[in-house]
Protein backbone atom coordinates (compact mmCIF):
# COMPACT_ATOMS: atom_id res chain seq x y z
CA MET A 1 0.00 0.00 0.00
CA SER A 2 1.39 3.42 -0.97
CA GLY A 3 2.15 6.13 1.58
CA GLY A 4 -0.80 8.18 0.38
CA MET A 5 -3.17 5.23 0.70
CA LYS A 6 -1.84 4.45 4.18
CA THR A 7 -2.47 8.05 5.24
CA LEU A 8 -5.97 7.95 3.77
CA ALA A 9 -6.73 4.65 5.52
CA ARG A 10 -5.42 5.99 8.83
CA GLU A 11 -7.50 9.15 8.57
CA THR A 12 -10.58 7.15 7.57
CA VAL A 13 -10.21 5.00 10.67
CA ILE A 14 -9.78 8.05 12.92
CA TYR A 15 -12.63 10.10 11.48
CA GLY A 16 -14.92 7.09 11.16
CA GLY A 17 -14.02 5.75 14.57
CA THR A 18 -14.66 9.15 16.11
CA THR A 19 -18.12 9.27 14.57
CA ILE A 20 -18.95 5.78 15.84
CA ILE A 21 -17.70 6.57 19.35
CA GLN A 22 -19.63 9.84 19.43
CA ARG A 23 -22.83 8.17 18.31
CA SER A 24 -22.38 5.29 20.72
CA LEU A 25 -21.76 7.57 23.71
CA SER A 26 -24.68 9.81 22.74
CA TRP A 27 -26.80 6.67 22.48
CA PHE A 28 -25.82 5.52 25.98
CA LEU A 29 -26.57 9.01 27.29
CA ALA A 30 -30.07 8.88 25.81
CA LEU A 31 -30.65 5.48 27.43
CA PHE A 32 -29.44 7.00 30.71
CA TRP A 33 -32.05 9.77 30.40
CA THR A 34 -34.89 7.24 30.23
CA TYR A 35 -34.02 6.19 33.78
CA TYR A 36 -33.28 9.58 35.30
CA LEU A 37 -35.55 12.13 33.64
CA PRO A 38 -38.57 12.67 35.89
CA SER A 39 -41.16 12.13 33.15
CA GLN A 40 -41.70 10.81 29.65
CA ALA A 41 -42.71 14.32 28.62
CA ASP A 42 -39.24 15.58 29.56
CA MET A 43 -37.75 12.92 27.27
CA GLY A 44 -39.98 14.19 24.47
CA ILE A 45 -38.99 17.82 25.08
CA VAL A 46 -35.27 17.01 25.04
CA ASN A 47 -35.52 15.06 21.77
CA ASN A 48 -37.64 17.80 20.23
CA PHE A 49 -34.98 20.37 21.14
CA TYR A 50 -32.19 18.28 19.64
CA ALA A 51 -34.18 17.79 16.43
CA TRP A 52 -34.54 21.58 16.13
CA ILE A 53 -30.83 22.02 16.87
CA ALA A 54 -29.89 19.55 14.11
CA LEU A 55 -32.12 21.37 11.62
CA PHE A 56 -30.80 24.84 12.41
CA LEU A 57 -27.19 23.66 12.29
CA VAL A 58 -27.74 22.55 8.69
CA ILE A 59 -29.52 25.80 7.83
CA LEU A 60 -26.99 28.13 9.45
CA ILE A 61 -23.90 26.36 8.05
CA TYR A 62 -25.61 26.34 4.60
CA GLY A 63 -23.06 24.05 2.98
CA LEU A 64 -20.01 26.25 3.65
CA GLU A 65 -18.12 23.37 5.28
CA THR A 66 -18.03 21.60 1.93
CA GLY A 67 -17.55 24.93 0.18
CA PHE A 68 -14.45 25.59 2.28
CA PHE A 69 -12.90 22.26 1.19
CA ARG A 70 -13.75 22.94 -2.43
CA PHE A 71 -12.18 26.41 -2.59
CA ALA A 72 -9.29 25.86 -0.15
CA ASN A 73 -8.02 23.11 -2.45
CA LYS A 74 -8.03 25.37 -5.50
CA GLN A 75 -4.54 26.60 -6.32
CA GLU A 76 -5.77 30.05 -7.29
CA GLU A 77 -7.33 30.62 -3.85
CA SER A 78 -5.47 31.25 -0.61
CA PRO A 79 -6.69 28.85 2.13
CA ASP A 80 -6.40 31.69 4.67
CA LYS A 81 -8.59 33.88 2.48
CA VAL A 82 -11.17 31.10 1.98
CA PHE A 83 -11.26 30.37 5.72
CA SER A 84 -11.63 34.06 6.60
CA THR A 85 -14.41 34.58 4.09
CA ALA A 86 -16.32 31.50 5.25
CA ILE A 87 -16.01 32.26 8.97
CA THR A 88 -17.02 35.90 8.40
CA SER A 89 -20.12 34.88 6.47
CA LEU A 90 -21.17 32.28 9.06
CA SER A 91 -20.50 34.68 11.94
CA ALA A 92 -22.64 37.40 10.37
CA THR A 93 -25.62 35.15 9.66
CA THR A 94 -25.37 33.36 13.01
CA LEU A 95 -25.23 36.61 14.98
CA LEU A 96 -28.26 37.81 13.01
CA PHE A 97 -30.05 34.55 13.93
CA VAL A 98 -29.20 34.99 17.62
CA ALA A 99 -30.27 38.65 17.61
CA LEU A 100 -33.61 37.95 15.91
CA THR A 101 -34.37 35.03 18.22
CA LEU A 102 -33.63 37.10 21.34
CA LEU A 103 -35.63 40.03 19.94
CA PHE A 104 -38.66 37.80 19.40
CA LEU A 105 -37.90 35.46 22.28
CA TYR A 106 -41.37 35.24 23.78
CA PRO A 107 -43.25 34.61 20.51
CA VAL A 108 -40.64 31.98 19.59
CA SER A 109 -40.94 30.38 23.04
CA ARG A 110 -44.71 30.18 22.76
CA GLY A 111 -44.41 28.76 19.24
CA LEU A 112 -42.21 25.97 20.61
CA ASN A 113 -44.55 25.38 23.56
CA MET A 114 -42.00 26.81 26.01
CA GLY A 115 -43.87 30.01 26.86
CA GLU A 116 -43.16 29.57 30.57
CA LYS A 117 -39.51 28.66 30.05
CA PRO A 118 -38.01 31.04 27.48
CA HIS A 119 -34.54 30.48 28.98
CA TYR A 120 -34.64 27.00 27.40
CA ILE A 121 -34.80 28.69 23.99
CA VAL A 122 -31.94 31.04 24.90
CA MET A 123 -29.69 28.12 25.80
CA MET A 124 -30.71 26.21 22.67
CA VAL A 125 -29.89 29.22 20.48
CA PHE A 126 -26.43 29.64 22.00
CA ILE A 127 -25.70 25.92 21.61
CA ILE A 128 -26.55 26.25 17.92
CA ALA A 129 -24.43 29.40 17.56
CA LEU A 130 -21.36 27.86 19.20
CA ASP A 131 -21.57 24.72 17.07
CA VAL A 132 -21.94 26.80 13.90
CA PHE A 133 -18.91 28.93 14.83
CA GLY A 134 -16.87 25.73 15.22
CA ALA A 135 -17.88 24.21 11.88
CA ILE A 136 -15.27 25.90 9.67
CA PRO A 137 -12.38 25.47 12.16
CA PHE A 138 -13.18 21.73 12.23
CA ALA A 139 -13.16 21.71 8.43
CA TYR A 140 -9.79 23.51 8.62
CA LEU A 141 -8.35 20.71 10.79
CA ARG A 142 -9.45 18.14 8.23
CA TYR A 143 -7.98 20.25 5.43
CA LYS A 144 -4.67 20.38 7.31
CA ASN A 145 -4.76 16.58 7.85
CA ARG A 146 -4.92 16.74 11.63
CA PRO A 147 -7.29 13.86 12.38
CA VAL A 148 -6.04 13.19 15.91
CA ARG A 149 -6.67 16.76 17.06
CA PHE A 150 -10.02 16.73 15.26
CA ALA A 151 -11.02 13.52 17.03
CA ALA A 152 -9.78 14.62 20.45
CA ILE A 153 -11.73 17.88 20.36
CA LYS A 154 -14.87 16.24 19.01
CA LEU A 155 -14.76 13.58 21.71
CA SER A 156 -14.16 16.22 24.40
CA ASN A 157 -17.64 17.53 23.66
CA ILE A 158 -19.47 14.29 24.36
CA VAL A 159 -17.22 13.44 27.33
CA ILE A 160 -17.93 16.79 29.00
CA THR A 161 -21.63 16.40 28.25
CA ILE A 162 -21.72 12.95 29.84
CA LEU A 163 -19.73 14.02 32.92
CA LEU A 164 -22.04 16.97 33.55
CA ASN A 165 -25.11 14.77 33.08
CA LEU A 166 -23.70 12.32 35.63
CA PHE A 167 -23.10 15.25 37.98
CA PHE A 168 -26.64 16.61 37.65
CA PHE A 169 -28.47 13.28 37.75
CA LEU A 170 -26.32 11.09 40.01
CA VAL A 171 -24.07 13.26 42.18
CA MET A 172 -26.40 16.17 42.92
CA PRO A 173 -29.35 14.04 44.15
CA LEU A 174 -26.98 12.33 46.61
CA LEU A 175 -25.56 15.64 47.82
CA ASP A 176 -29.02 17.18 48.06
CA ALA A 177 -30.26 14.24 50.13
CA ARG A 178 -27.21 14.25 52.38
CA TYR A 179 -27.18 18.01 52.95
CA PRO A 180 -30.82 19.19 52.81
CA GLY A 181 -31.14 22.86 51.99
CA ALA A 182 -27.47 23.32 51.08
CA PHE A 183 -28.22 23.22 47.35
CA GLY A 184 -31.36 25.30 47.08
CA TRP A 185 -30.83 25.85 43.36
CA TYR A 186 -31.15 22.14 42.53
CA ARG A 187 -34.56 20.81 41.49
CA ILE A 188 -34.88 17.45 39.75
CA GLU A 189 -37.91 18.76 37.87
CA ASN A 190 -35.51 21.12 36.04
CA SER A 191 -33.83 18.17 34.35
CA VAL A 192 -34.31 19.52 30.82
CA GLU A 193 -32.54 22.70 31.88
CA TYR A 194 -29.59 20.73 33.26
CA ILE A 195 -29.24 18.78 30.01
CA LEU A 196 -29.14 22.02 28.04
CA ILE A 197 -26.60 23.53 30.46
CA ALA A 198 -24.37 20.47 30.04
CA ASN A 199 -24.54 20.76 26.26
CA LEU A 200 -23.94 24.52 26.36
CA VAL A 201 -20.79 24.12 28.48
CA ALA A 202 -19.52 21.31 26.26
CA SER A 203 -20.11 23.33 23.08
CA PHE A 204 -18.37 26.36 24.58
CA VAL A 205 -15.29 24.33 25.53
CA GLN A 206 -15.25 22.60 22.15
CA THR A 207 -15.40 25.91 20.29
CA LEU A 208 -12.53 27.36 22.34
CA LEU A 209 -10.43 24.24 21.74
CA VAL A 210 -10.98 24.09 17.99
CA PHE A 211 -10.28 27.81 17.48
CA SER A 212 -7.05 27.40 19.44
CA GLN A 213 -5.84 25.03 16.72
CA VAL A 214 -6.41 27.45 13.84
CA ARG A 215 -3.31 29.27 12.63
CA ILE A 216 -4.23 31.67 9.85
CA ARG A 217 -3.77 35.29 8.90
CA TYR A 218 -7.18 36.91 8.48
CA GLN A 219 -7.76 37.88 4.85
CA TRP A 220 -11.25 38.88 3.75
CA GLY A 221 -11.71 37.47 0.27
CA GLY A 222 -14.27 40.00 -0.82
CA LEU A 223 -17.80 39.62 -2.12
CA PRO A 224 -16.79 37.97 -5.44
CA LEU A 225 -15.19 35.03 -3.57
CA LEU A 226 -18.10 34.81 -1.14
CA LYS A 227 -20.55 34.80 -4.05
CA ARG A 228 -18.73 31.91 -5.76
CA MET A 229 -18.60 29.97 -2.50
CA LEU A 230 -22.33 30.50 -1.91
CA GLN A 231 -23.19 29.49 -5.47
CA TYR A 232 -21.44 26.20 -4.79
CA SER A 233 -22.66 25.72 -1.21
CA LEU A 234 -26.30 26.82 -1.18
CA PRO A 235 -27.57 23.93 -3.35
CA LEU A 236 -26.10 21.63 -0.70
CA LEU A 237 -28.32 23.39 1.82
CA ILE A 238 -31.44 22.08 0.09
CA LEU A 239 -30.07 18.54 0.14
CA GLY A 240 -29.01 18.91 3.78
CA VAL A 241 -32.36 20.26 4.96
CA ALA A 242 -34.25 17.54 3.10
CA GLY A 243 -31.97 14.90 4.63
CA ILE A 244 -32.25 16.17 8.20
CA LEU A 245 -36.02 16.55 7.90
CA ASN A 246 -36.31 13.00 6.59
CA GLN A 247 -34.71 11.94 9.88
CA ASN A 248 -36.29 14.42 12.28
CA ALA A 249 -39.51 15.79 10.76
CA ALA A 250 -41.67 13.53 12.91
CA ILE A 251 -39.96 14.62 16.13
CA ILE A 252 -40.16 18.30 15.16
CA LEU A 253 -43.78 18.22 14.02
CA PHE A 254 -45.25 15.75 16.50
CA PRO A 255 -46.17 18.26 19.27
CA GLU A 256 -47.92 20.45 16.69
CA ILE A 257 -49.87 17.68 14.96
CA TYR A 258 -50.81 15.37 17.81
CA PRO A 259 -54.23 16.38 19.24
CA ASP A 260 -53.51 17.57 22.77
CA ALA A 261 -55.38 20.08 24.93
CA THR A 262 -53.17 19.72 28.02
CA PRO A 263 -51.15 22.75 29.20
CA GLY A 264 -47.82 22.90 27.37
CA LYS A 265 -48.91 19.93 25.25
CA LEU A 266 -47.49 17.59 27.87
CA GLU A 267 -49.45 14.60 26.55
CA ALA A 268 -47.97 15.14 23.07
CA TYR A 269 -44.48 15.35 24.55
CA ARG A 270 -45.16 12.24 26.61
CA GLU A 271 -46.05 10.26 23.48
CA LEU A 272 -43.02 11.72 21.72
CA GLY A 273 -40.84 10.73 24.67
CA ILE A 274 -42.02 7.10 24.44
CA TYR A 275 -41.36 7.05 20.69
CA SER A 276 -37.94 8.70 21.05
CA ALA A 277 -36.83 6.24 23.73
CA SER A 278 -37.90 3.27 21.62
CA MET A 279 -36.06 4.77 18.65
CA LYS A 280 -32.85 4.47 20.66
CA ILE A 281 -33.16 0.68 20.45
CA ALA A 282 -33.43 0.91 16.67
CA ILE A 283 -30.29 3.07 16.55
CA ILE A 284 -28.32 -0.12 17.29
CA LEU A 285 -28.69 -0.88 13.57
CA ILE A 286 -27.35 2.55 12.54
CA VAL A 287 -24.26 2.31 14.75
CA MET A 288 -23.50 -1.29 13.76
CA THR A 289 -23.91 -0.62 10.04
CA GLN A 290 -21.49 2.30 10.33
CA ALA A 291 -19.04 -0.06 11.98
CA PHE A 292 -19.63 -2.50 9.10
CA ARG A 293 -18.75 0.16 6.54
CA TYR A 294 -15.50 1.10 8.23
CA ALA A 295 -14.48 -2.54 8.81
CA PHE A 296 -15.58 -4.22 5.59
CA GLU A 297 -16.03 -1.71 2.76
CA PRO A 298 -12.33 -0.74 2.43
CA PHE A 299 -11.48 -4.43 2.07
CA ILE A 300 -14.01 -4.93 -0.74
CA PHE A 301 -12.89 -1.83 -2.63
CA ALA A 302 -9.24 -2.82 -2.22
CA LYS A 303 -10.08 -6.17 -3.82
CA SER A 304 -11.74 -4.38 -6.70
CA ASN A 305 -8.68 -2.22 -7.23
CA ASP A 306 -6.60 -5.36 -7.52
CA GLY A 307 -8.93 -6.87 -10.09
CA GLY A 308 -10.28 -3.73 -11.72
CA ASP A 309 -13.98 -4.57 -11.42
CA ASN A 310 -15.43 -1.66 -9.46
CA LYS A 311 -19.03 -2.51 -10.28
CA ARG A 312 -18.57 -5.98 -8.84
CA ALA A 313 -17.22 -4.41 -5.65
CA TYR A 314 -20.23 -2.09 -5.36
CA ALA A 315 -22.58 -5.04 -5.79
CA ASP A 316 -20.65 -7.06 -3.20
CA VAL A 317 -20.78 -4.29 -0.59
CA THR A 318 -24.54 -3.95 -1.06
CA ARG A 319 -25.01 -7.72 -0.83
CA TYR A 320 -22.99 -8.04 2.37
CA PHE A 321 -24.65 -4.99 3.85
CA ILE A 322 -28.10 -6.50 3.34
CA ILE A 323 -27.02 -9.80 4.90
CA PHE A 324 -25.44 -8.02 7.86
CA GLY A 325 -28.32 -5.56 8.33
CA LEU A 326 -30.95 -8.29 8.35
CA PHE A 327 -28.87 -10.19 10.91
CA VAL A 328 -28.86 -7.13 13.19
CA VAL A 329 -32.64 -6.78 12.86
CA LEU A 330 -33.15 -10.44 13.77
CA ALA A 331 -30.67 -10.29 16.66
CA VAL A 332 -32.21 -7.16 18.19
CA MET A 333 -35.76 -8.45 17.89
CA GLY A 334 -34.77 -11.99 18.91
CA TYR A 335 -33.28 -10.76 22.17
CA MET A 336 -35.73 -7.92 22.76
CA ASP A 337 -36.75 -9.55 26.04
CA ILE A 338 -33.27 -8.62 27.29
CA ILE A 339 -32.46 -5.54 25.19
CA LYS A 340 -35.65 -3.74 26.22
CA TYR A 341 -34.18 -3.12 29.67
CA LEU A 342 -31.75 -0.67 28.10
CA ILE A 343 -34.64 1.75 28.52
CA LYS A 344 -36.91 2.19 31.53
CA SER A 345 -40.02 0.00 31.62
CA THR A 346 -42.30 3.05 31.43
CA TYR A 347 -41.18 3.42 27.80
CA HIS A 348 -41.71 -0.22 26.76
CA ALA A 349 -45.12 0.52 25.25
CA GLY A 350 -43.28 2.12 22.33
CA LEU A 351 -41.19 -0.93 21.47
CA THR A 352 -43.76 -1.90 18.82
CA VAL A 353 -42.10 0.65 16.53
CA VAL A 354 -38.65 -0.96 16.71
CA PRO A 355 -38.95 -3.55 13.89
CA ILE A 356 -40.62 -0.98 11.64
CA VAL A 357 -37.98 1.68 12.27
CA MET A 358 -35.12 -0.81 11.94
CA MET A 359 -36.38 -2.02 8.58
CA GLY A 360 -36.75 1.60 7.50
CA GLU A 361 -33.13 2.27 8.50
CA LEU A 362 -32.05 -0.85 6.64
CA PHE A 363 -33.78 0.44 3.50
CA PHE A 364 -31.98 3.76 3.95
CA GLY A 365 -28.65 1.97 4.27
CA VAL A 366 -29.29 0.08 1.05
CA TYR A 367 -30.38 3.35 -0.59
CA PHE A 368 -27.08 4.90 0.51
CA ASN A 369 -25.15 2.06 -1.15
CA LEU A 370 -27.25 2.19 -4.31
CA SER A 371 -26.80 5.95 -4.59
CA LEU A 372 -23.21 5.59 -5.79
CA TRP A 373 -24.54 5.82 -9.33
CA TYR A 374 -25.44 9.51 -9.23
CA LYS A 375 -22.14 10.40 -7.53
CA LEU A 376 -20.08 8.45 -10.08
CA THR A 377 -21.96 9.94 -13.05
CA ASP A 378 -21.93 13.53 -11.72
CA LYS A 379 -25.73 13.59 -11.63
CA THR A 380 -25.91 14.68 -8.01
CA GLN A 381 -29.12 16.61 -8.61
CA TRP A 382 -30.86 13.22 -8.43
CA GLY A 383 -29.75 12.93 -4.82
CA ALA A 384 -31.63 16.14 -4.06
CA TYR A 385 -34.69 14.95 -6.01
CA MET A 386 -34.87 11.65 -4.12
CA SER A 387 -34.32 13.33 -0.75
CA LEU A 388 -37.15 15.75 -1.52
CA MET A 389 -39.34 12.86 -2.62
CA GLY A 390 -38.64 11.07 0.66
CA LEU A 391 -39.38 14.25 2.58
CA VAL A 392 -42.77 14.66 0.86
CA ILE A 393 -43.71 11.08 1.77
CA THR A 394 -42.52 11.57 5.36
CA LEU A 395 -44.45 14.81 5.82
CA ALA A 396 -47.61 13.48 4.16
CA ILE A 397 -47.83 10.33 6.28
CA ASN A 398 -47.00 12.15 9.51
CA ILE A 399 -49.46 14.99 8.93
CA LEU A 400 -52.27 12.65 7.84
CA PHE A 401 -51.88 9.89 10.41
CA ILE A 402 -50.26 11.23 13.60
CA PRO A 403 -53.63 12.60 14.85
CA SER A 404 -55.14 9.09 14.67
CA TYR A 405 -52.20 6.72 15.16
CA SER A 406 -49.74 8.74 17.26
CA TYR A 407 -46.11 7.68 16.99
CA MET A 408 -46.91 4.55 14.95
CA ALA A 409 -47.46 6.93 12.03
CA CYS A 410 -43.90 8.27 12.53
CA ALA A 411 -42.45 4.77 12.28
CA TRP A 412 -44.39 3.88 9.13
CA ALA A 413 -43.54 7.25 7.55
CA SER A 414 -39.82 6.47 7.88
CA PHE A 415 -40.39 2.93 6.62
CA PHE A 416 -42.23 3.90 3.43
CA ALA A 417 -40.12 6.98 2.65
CA ASN A 418 -36.89 4.99 2.79
CA LEU A 419 -38.42 2.03 0.90
CA VAL A 420 -39.56 4.26 -1.98
CA MET A 421 -36.19 6.07 -2.09
CA MET A 422 -34.38 2.72 -2.22
CA ILE A 423 -36.54 1.36 -5.06
CA VAL A 424 -36.37 4.57 -7.11
CA SER A 425 -32.60 4.82 -6.67
CA TYR A 426 -32.18 1.22 -7.85
CA LEU A 427 -34.33 1.76 -10.96
CA LEU A 428 -32.60 5.02 -11.90
CA GLY A 429 -29.20 3.51 -11.23
CA GLN A 430 -29.89 0.65 -13.63
CA LYS A 431 -30.65 3.24 -16.29
CA HIS A 432 -27.71 5.59 -15.75
CA TYR A 433 -25.00 3.30 -14.31
CA PRO A 434 -26.06 -0.35 -14.59
CA ILE A 435 -24.69 -2.65 -11.88
CA LYS A 436 -25.58 -6.32 -11.72
CA TYR A 437 -26.74 -6.66 -8.13
CA ASP A 438 -27.39 -10.12 -6.67
CA LEU A 439 -31.17 -9.79 -6.54
CA LYS A 440 -31.58 -13.55 -6.17
CA TYR A 441 -29.52 -13.58 -2.97
CA ALA A 442 -31.15 -10.39 -1.71
CA ALA A 443 -34.59 -11.95 -2.18
CA LEU A 444 -33.44 -15.18 -0.51
CA PHE A 445 -32.09 -13.50 2.62
CA PHE A 446 -34.95 -11.02 2.81
CA SER A 447 -37.56 -13.78 2.55
CA VAL A 448 -35.88 -16.01 5.14
CA SER A 449 -35.29 -13.14 7.57
CA MET A 450 -38.87 -11.90 7.25
CA LEU A 451 -40.16 -15.41 7.91
CA PHE A 452 -37.94 -15.69 10.98
CA LEU A 453 -38.94 -12.17 12.09
CA ALA A 454 -42.62 -13.10 11.81
CA VAL A 455 -42.02 -16.13 14.05
CA ILE A 456 -40.18 -13.92 16.57
CA LEU A 457 -42.98 -11.34 16.62
CA LEU A 458 -45.66 -14.00 16.96
CA GLY A 459 -43.73 -15.39 19.90
CA PHE A 460 -44.23 -12.13 21.79
CA ILE A 461 -48.00 -12.55 21.36
CA TYR A 462 -48.55 -16.27 21.90
CA VAL A 463 -45.60 -17.54 23.98
CA GLU A 464 -45.61 -16.33 27.57
CA ASN A 465 -42.48 -18.15 28.74
CA ILE A 466 -39.48 -15.89 28.10
CA TRP A 467 -36.99 -18.79 28.08
CA ILE A 468 -38.91 -20.63 25.37
CA ARG A 469 -39.01 -17.45 23.31
CA LEU A 470 -35.28 -16.86 23.72
CA THR A 471 -34.47 -20.48 22.84
CA VAL A 472 -36.59 -20.45 19.69
CA ASN A 473 -35.23 -17.04 18.68
CA THR A 474 -31.63 -18.20 19.20
CA ILE A 475 -32.24 -21.23 16.96
CA LEU A 476 -33.63 -18.94 14.24
CA ILE A 477 -30.71 -16.50 14.49
CA VAL A 478 -28.16 -19.32 14.36
CA ALA A 479 -29.95 -20.76 11.33
CA TYR A 480 -29.75 -17.38 9.61
CA VAL A 481 -26.02 -17.10 10.40
CA VAL A 482 -25.37 -20.59 8.99
CA LEU A 483 -27.30 -19.69 5.83
CA ALA A 484 -25.32 -16.45 5.53
CA LEU A 485 -21.97 -18.20 5.92
CA LYS A 486 -22.86 -20.95 3.45
CA LYS A 487 -24.72 -18.94 0.80
CA GLY A 488 -23.96 -15.29 1.37
CA PHE A 489 -20.17 -15.08 1.24
CA PRO A 490 -17.69 -16.46 -1.31
CA ALA A 491 -15.39 -19.16 0.06
CA GLY A 492 -12.66 -17.78 2.30
CA ILE A 493 -13.61 -14.10 2.03
CA LEU A 494 -14.40 -13.65 5.72
CA GLY A 495 -11.07 -15.13 6.72
CA ARG A 496 -9.28 -12.47 4.64
CA ALA A 497 -11.39 -9.54 5.79
CA PRO A 498 -9.90 -7.09 8.36
CA VAL A 499 -11.05 -7.52 11.97
CA ILE A 500 -13.58 -10.23 11.02
CA GLY A 501 -10.87 -12.52 9.69
CA LYS A 502 -9.24 -12.73 13.10
CA PHE A 503 -12.26 -14.55 14.45
CA ILE A 504 -13.65 -16.58 11.59
CA ASN A 505 -12.42 -18.26 8.45
CA ILE A 506 -14.97 -20.02 6.25
CA LYS A 507 -13.33 -22.07 3.55
């Protein structure tokens, strides 16, 4: 392997590993909240806030992260000038966002059902602002090939957030009980506030750390450079907003659509809290499929480079992804009697959404693999079209069915939106960049896994004994694994794969 490839592989591991660790720690933190937040409504409020934060981060960065990379790598542009222009533009628009929000704080608070707690909105706005300010400096670290510093600063954010959450939810209750009256400011019913404070502190520290790593001479590039950067970046904003809304539209819209006459829409937030907690179980698939990509995809593409058949490699990755994803679905559902205790029992009513959401995420993963065609043929506008199509389906199902079916509508909206996007991407890909995917094997594994999943789900209804259920489910999962090893993988491939090959070698 050449020096350049080794560097690329090392950076891929660091950046990818950082993302997986961040997501995993954030996932554990969310599970922690289900046990320590005073109510399900608080869980709903927190997840609603984070959905809004994710949306506004995409809006306020408006593609300039990618724009910075594009223009900083052009020989005719000074990287210092590109950085200065990007950070100036983001600072101006973000400060305008903060000023307008504070100016209209009370109407905004009432619009977000926080009329009695406008300070929640203030903290949320400053979290967004700090994260936006840090976006270009993080892009600068990647441009300068400093993955270790990038990873360390990124991980500092989640570590600080977790430590402060442990302080507020574990240490402070003990201190308050041991020394009554000594901590008059502490109220467990203010849990949402403490979560926002923890995030605000973490974002502030992260922003200071990342700016400390930037070594540039400020050079305003002028309006012509800014205009060119915006012409490149703003179309990415549409794609980004559509993507984030596909993921979070239900959580953002739920309190407004769900019929609720209680003060502060607490019943709507309670339902949303149950749904959000159950979603955390389904996130197991997202984290594990990311790990699959970082562990297995480079190996497949390396093999293709040796043999020159890139299309075969793309088909292989999709095939193995489907096999692996269906295994995760079966494993999670097969051991749900154990896994469900990751969240507090008061949230277990929402576990009915888990198989639906997991299948929806599996469809999205397949869609992601299939979407190579529009990237390789420079027809990236199709990515925007399909994201917008998925968004329309998501919004339509949620708006029409949340009033009658509550959070079950959210699960089915994700399922059908991702299914349609996957099918459309496959059909368009066969027209513009034909790849011979193993549809026979995909159908085989999908049919077998759905049959096994049906047996598992029926077991929850008709088999009361948990040990019988677990035994039957284990037999089914082992049978699927045997089928995958015998039919799904070419002879010897697992033994040569990185990480996996250390533990298994099928001849």
